[in-house]
Every structure is written in structure tokens, then in C-alpha cells.
Amino acid sequence: MRYNTILLDFDDTLVDFYDAEDKAFHNMAKFYNHYPTEKDFQFFKKVNQAHWEAFQKNELTKEEVLSHRFIEYFNHYGIEVDGKEADIRFRDELAKAPVKYFDLALETIDRLAQICDLYIVTNGVTDTQKRRIAQLDFKDVFAGVFISEETGYQKPMAEFFDHVYERIGKDKKEHSLIVGDSLTSDVLGGKNAGIATCWFNYRDKSNNSEIKPDYEIKNLSELVEIVEKEEA
């Protein structure tokens, strides 16, 4: 078997993050008497994405990302908020939002767990991610969970993966595959770590970057074929 260790991103790989983010954002905004349209929500997503990408490049601290994204968003509408307070409200709503699985996710994880060691590798805030992961129907099949805030590093930093393999065994690295929706976080991180990469492109995005994954899938069930094919 070539791949017997699968590192799985959490948000927008195992579960639909867009769905949870939408609910959390609108519930948070109500507190500030702001009732965003779909266009407003898309604007927030752009602001949020830009902040997290800056974090991945070590241009912003995590604390700056968490608060400044809301200050920038609400300033656009002439609303002054305490960024830290808005972040706490948002993340609490995010943690409470019911998880929504992608098609065939449950069946895929069940099958993969029979033939591979599975691990969750996610960027994010520990409390929020742990509360969300606790909702998973299949959480007990994972051999470990690694959250960036706990490790002290974030994907795509090679140090994040060094931390992972120091704990699960460096011998697993040769036969590992990382699966995630982000080219700049998961795929680039896998390449920085020297492991095989699989881009979960559920939303059919164009790849105009120089980051080229080893595999690209649009449904998690395709992972089983990749693993079993390599096994044969």
C-alpha cells in the first residue's frame, strides 16, 4: 500500500464550512443591528480570506486576523465594533452551528478507516475547532487531531507537519497523503512537508497558481479509489 496514512483538513473538506460560516456570520451581525445581504456576506468572505492568507504568510498574527477582519468589514458599512468582541460572538455561533457533511463523506470515512490511519489537520482556534469536531458522527475513527493553535504553527508551514510526524511517527511520512480544499494551505503545506497531496475541489475552482497537487477530486468518495488503486 502506498498510502496508509491520510491527513484530512476539516473545514470544507470533511464538512461544509460555507454553511456553518453563513449561519454564524448572520447571527453575529444581528447583534450589531446589521442584516447582511448575500453580496455583503461575499464581501466578508473576501476580507476574511485575505486576512487568513496573510496569516499563512506570517504577515499577521492570529489575534490580528481574528479581530481586524471584523473591524475592516463593519467599517465598510460605517459601523464601529470591538473586533475582539465580534470575533468571540462569531466563533461561538460557528461552534454551535450544526455540521453539514459533503456527499458520501460518512461512507468514505468509514471505508478509509478500515484501510488507513486517519488524522485531522486543521488551522484555526482550538476551542472553536474542538467544539465543531465534537459534533462529528465519525470522530472516534481518527487516530489524532492537530489544530494549528495547539501546535504553535499553521499550514502550510513545514513546522506544522514536523509537529505532526514527531507525534504519529516519522515512518508514516513516506506513505502519507494530505487532503484539503486549500491550495495555499493544504496542498502547499503537503509539498513543504514532502508528502503526497490531494486537492478537494468540491466547488470546482480554477487553479491559476503554480501549486500543483498530485491528485484532484470533487467528491470524497474518489479518495477510496486513489488509496485502493495504490494498494493494488
Protein backbone atom coordinates (compact mmCIF):
# COMPACT_ATOMS: atom_id res chain seq x y z
CA MET A 1 0.00 0.00 0.00
CA ARG A 2 1.40 3.40 -0.91
CA TYR A 3 -0.92 5.47 1.26
CA ASN A 4 -1.74 4.13 4.69
CA THR A 5 -1.84 7.49 6.49
CA ILE A 6 -4.35 10.15 5.46
CA LEU A 7 -4.19 13.69 6.82
CA LEU A 8 -7.58 15.33 6.34
CA ASP A 9 -8.35 19.02 6.55
CA PHE A 10 -11.55 19.76 8.46
CA ASP A 11 -13.34 22.86 7.13
CA ASP A 12 -14.65 22.49 3.60
CA THR A 13 -13.10 19.03 3.34
CA LEU A 14 -14.85 16.86 5.90
CA VAL A 15 -17.71 19.31 6.47
CA ASP A 16 -19.26 22.19 4.58
CA PHE A 17 -17.71 25.27 6.16
CA TYR A 18 -19.68 27.68 3.95
CA ASP A 19 -22.93 26.51 5.54
CA ALA A 20 -21.68 26.98 9.12
CA GLU A 21 -19.98 30.27 8.30
CA ASP A 22 -23.15 31.66 6.73
CA LYS A 23 -25.24 30.88 9.81
CA ALA A 24 -22.61 32.16 12.22
CA PHE A 25 -21.99 35.39 10.35
CA HIS A 26 -25.65 36.35 10.07
CA ASN A 27 -26.36 35.54 13.72
CA MET A 28 -23.35 37.60 14.81
CA ALA A 29 -24.30 40.54 12.59
CA LYS A 30 -27.77 40.76 14.13
CA PHE A 31 -26.19 41.81 17.42
CA TYR A 32 -24.95 44.97 15.68
CA ASN A 33 -28.33 45.59 14.02
CA HIS A 34 -26.73 44.73 10.71
CA TYR A 35 -28.67 42.45 8.36
CA PRO A 36 -26.29 41.49 5.55
CA THR A 37 -27.36 40.54 2.05
CA GLU A 38 -25.69 37.75 0.12
CA LYS A 39 -23.48 40.38 -1.51
CA ASP A 40 -22.45 41.63 1.92
CA PHE A 41 -21.64 38.10 3.05
CA GLN A 42 -19.48 37.53 -0.02
CA PHE A 43 -17.64 40.75 0.78
CA PHE A 44 -16.94 39.48 4.29
CA LYS A 45 -15.65 36.20 2.88
CA LYS A 46 -13.15 38.09 0.72
CA VAL A 47 -11.99 40.16 3.69
CA ASN A 48 -11.74 37.04 5.83
CA GLN A 49 -9.84 35.05 3.21
CA ALA A 50 -7.34 37.87 2.70
CA HIS A 51 -6.67 38.01 6.42
CA TRP A 52 -6.12 34.25 6.76
CA GLU A 53 -3.82 34.20 3.73
CA ALA A 54 -1.79 36.97 5.35
CA PHE A 55 -1.63 34.81 8.47
CA GLN A 56 -0.35 31.84 6.47
CA LYS A 57 2.42 34.09 5.15
CA ASN A 58 3.22 35.28 8.68
CA GLU A 59 2.20 38.83 7.75
CA LEU A 60 -0.44 38.98 10.51
CA THR A 61 -0.72 37.32 13.88
CA LYS A 62 -3.70 35.10 14.63
CA GLU A 63 -5.02 37.71 17.07
CA GLU A 64 -4.83 40.39 14.38
CA VAL A 65 -6.70 38.20 11.93
CA LEU A 66 -9.49 37.37 14.35
CA SER A 67 -10.27 40.96 15.29
CA HIS A 68 -9.21 43.05 12.28
CA ARG A 69 -11.36 41.10 9.79
CA PHE A 70 -14.50 42.31 11.58
CA ILE A 71 -13.22 45.85 12.09
CA GLU A 72 -12.49 46.12 8.37
CA TYR A 73 -15.81 44.59 7.35
CA PHE A 74 -18.01 46.74 9.60
CA ASN A 75 -16.02 49.91 8.85
CA HIS A 76 -17.06 49.45 5.23
CA TYR A 77 -20.67 49.99 6.36
CA GLY A 78 -19.89 52.81 8.78
CA ILE A 79 -20.34 50.61 11.84
CA GLU A 80 -17.79 50.73 14.65
CA VAL A 81 -17.30 47.48 16.53
CA ASP A 82 -14.94 45.97 19.04
CA GLY A 83 -13.17 43.46 16.79
CA LYS A 84 -12.36 41.08 19.61
CA GLU A 85 -15.96 41.06 20.82
CA ALA A 86 -17.28 40.47 17.29
CA ASP A 87 -14.86 37.60 16.85
CA ILE A 88 -15.92 35.95 20.11
CA ARG A 89 -19.57 36.18 19.07
CA PHE A 90 -18.83 34.85 15.59
CA ARG A 91 -16.76 31.91 16.77
CA ASP A 92 -19.35 30.97 19.38
CA GLU A 93 -22.03 30.89 16.69
CA LEU A 94 -19.67 28.93 14.44
CA ALA A 95 -19.03 26.33 17.11
CA LYS A 96 -22.78 25.92 17.70
CA ALA A 97 -23.74 25.62 14.03
CA PRO A 98 -24.75 22.05 13.11
CA VAL A 99 -22.18 20.37 10.87
CA LYS A 100 -23.23 19.65 7.31
CA TYR A 101 -21.47 16.77 5.58
CA PHE A 102 -20.47 16.64 1.95
CA ASP A 103 -21.97 13.92 -0.25
CA LEU A 104 -20.75 10.42 0.70
CA ALA A 105 -18.47 11.80 3.43
CA LEU A 106 -19.74 9.37 6.08
CA GLU A 107 -19.42 6.34 3.82
CA THR A 108 -15.98 7.42 2.63
CA ILE A 109 -14.56 7.94 6.11
CA ASP A 110 -15.98 4.59 7.22
CA ARG A 111 -14.24 2.82 4.32
CA LEU A 112 -10.94 4.68 4.67
CA ALA A 113 -10.82 3.97 8.40
CA GLN A 114 -10.72 0.26 7.59
CA ILE A 115 -7.57 0.54 5.50
CA CYS A 116 -5.75 3.70 6.69
CA ASP A 117 -4.82 5.67 9.78
CA LEU A 118 -6.80 8.91 9.67
CA TYR A 119 -5.86 12.25 11.20
CA ILE A 120 -7.49 15.69 11.17
CA VAL A 121 -5.10 18.57 10.46
CA THR A 122 -6.73 21.97 10.68
CA ASN A 123 -5.86 25.63 11.02
CA GLY A 124 -7.97 27.53 13.47
CA VAL A 125 -8.75 28.38 17.06
CA THR A 126 -8.57 25.40 19.41
CA ASP A 127 -11.82 25.94 21.33
CA THR A 128 -13.87 26.56 18.19
CA GLN A 129 -12.44 23.62 16.26
CA LYS A 130 -12.75 21.18 19.15
CA ARG A 131 -16.40 22.10 19.66
CA ARG A 132 -17.11 21.62 15.97
CA ILE A 133 -15.16 18.38 15.64
CA ALA A 134 -17.00 17.01 18.68
CA GLN A 135 -20.18 17.07 16.57
CA LEU A 136 -18.80 14.60 14.02
CA ASP A 137 -20.58 11.26 13.81
CA PHE A 138 -17.27 9.62 12.93
CA LYS A 139 -14.91 11.49 15.27
CA ASP A 140 -13.83 8.30 17.05
CA VAL A 141 -12.25 6.83 13.91
CA PHE A 142 -9.49 9.45 13.87
CA ALA A 143 -6.18 8.46 15.39
CA GLY A 144 -5.41 12.08 16.20
CA VAL A 145 -6.43 15.72 15.73
CA PHE A 146 -3.92 18.52 15.15
CA ILE A 147 -5.05 22.15 15.43
CA SER A 148 -2.69 24.96 14.45
CA GLU A 149 -3.20 26.96 17.62
CA GLU A 150 -2.16 23.97 19.72
CA THR A 151 0.87 23.10 17.60
CA GLY A 152 2.20 26.66 17.51
CA TYR A 153 2.42 26.51 13.72
CA GLN A 154 -0.06 26.63 10.86
CA LYS A 155 -0.37 25.05 7.46
CA PRO A 156 1.45 25.47 5.09
CA MET A 157 4.45 25.75 7.43
CA ALA A 158 6.72 22.71 7.33
CA GLU A 159 7.00 23.01 11.12
CA PHE A 160 3.30 22.18 11.46
CA PHE A 161 3.91 18.85 9.75
CA ASP A 162 7.12 18.25 11.68
CA HIS A 163 5.00 18.56 14.81
CA VAL A 164 2.50 16.02 13.44
CA TYR A 165 5.08 13.40 12.48
CA GLU A 166 7.03 13.76 15.70
CA ARG A 167 3.84 12.54 17.39
CA ILE A 168 2.45 9.95 14.99
CA GLY A 169 5.78 8.55 13.83
CA LYS A 170 8.20 9.80 11.20
CA ASP A 171 7.97 6.41 9.46
CA LYS A 172 4.40 7.28 8.42
CA LYS A 173 5.54 10.22 6.30
CA GLU A 174 6.59 8.18 3.27
CA HIS A 175 3.13 6.68 2.92
CA SER A 176 1.07 9.79 3.74
CA LEU A 177 -1.46 11.74 1.70
CA ILE A 178 -2.87 15.11 2.74
CA VAL A 179 -6.36 16.00 1.52
CA GLY A 180 -7.79 19.50 1.67
CA ASP A 181 -9.68 22.24 -0.13
CA SER A 182 -6.97 24.90 0.07
CA LEU A 183 -4.15 25.08 -2.42
CA THR A 184 -2.25 27.64 -0.33
CA SER A 185 -2.71 25.83 2.97
CA ASP A 186 -3.19 22.08 2.48
CA VAL A 187 -1.55 21.39 -0.87
CA LEU A 188 1.35 23.79 -0.42
CA GLY A 189 1.75 22.55 3.13
CA GLY A 190 1.96 18.97 1.92
CA LYS A 191 4.58 19.92 -0.63
CA ASN A 192 6.57 21.80 2.01
CA ALA A 193 6.44 18.66 4.15
CA GLY A 194 7.42 16.36 1.28
CA ILE A 195 4.23 14.29 1.23
CA ALA A 196 1.67 13.49 -1.46
CA THR A 197 -1.17 15.96 -1.91
CA CYS A 198 -4.81 15.78 -2.94
CA TRP A 199 -6.88 18.88 -3.68
CA PHE A 200 -10.54 18.51 -2.72
CA ASN A 201 -12.03 20.82 -5.31
CA TYR A 202 -15.68 20.35 -4.45
CA ARG A 203 -16.57 23.85 -5.63
CA ASP A 204 -14.86 23.39 -8.98
CA LYS A 205 -12.45 26.29 -8.61
CA SER A 206 -9.84 27.15 -11.22
CA ASN A 207 -6.22 26.63 -10.29
CA ASN A 208 -4.32 29.59 -11.67
CA SER A 209 -1.44 29.16 -9.26
CA GLU A 210 1.87 27.38 -9.50
CA ILE A 211 0.76 24.97 -6.78
CA LYS A 212 0.03 21.64 -8.46
CA PRO A 213 -1.49 18.83 -6.38
CA ASP A 214 -0.70 15.18 -7.06
CA TYR A 215 -4.42 14.43 -7.22
CA GLU A 216 -7.60 16.44 -7.63
CA ILE A 217 -11.03 15.18 -6.60
CA LYS A 218 -14.51 16.65 -6.49
CA ASN A 219 -16.09 14.05 -4.21
CA LEU A 220 -14.53 12.47 -1.14
CA SER A 221 -15.52 9.02 -2.39
CA GLU A 222 -12.80 9.35 -5.03
CA LEU A 223 -10.26 9.03 -2.23
CA VAL A 224 -11.12 5.38 -1.79
CA GLU A 225 -10.26 4.66 -5.40
CA ILE A 226 -6.93 6.51 -5.08
CA VAL A 227 -5.95 4.56 -1.96
CA GLU A 228 -7.14 1.18 -3.19
CA LYS A 229 -5.56 1.66 -6.60
CA GLU A 230 -2.21 2.42 -5.00
CA GLU A 231 -2.69 -0.61 -2.74
CA ALA A 232 -3.15 -2.87 -5.75
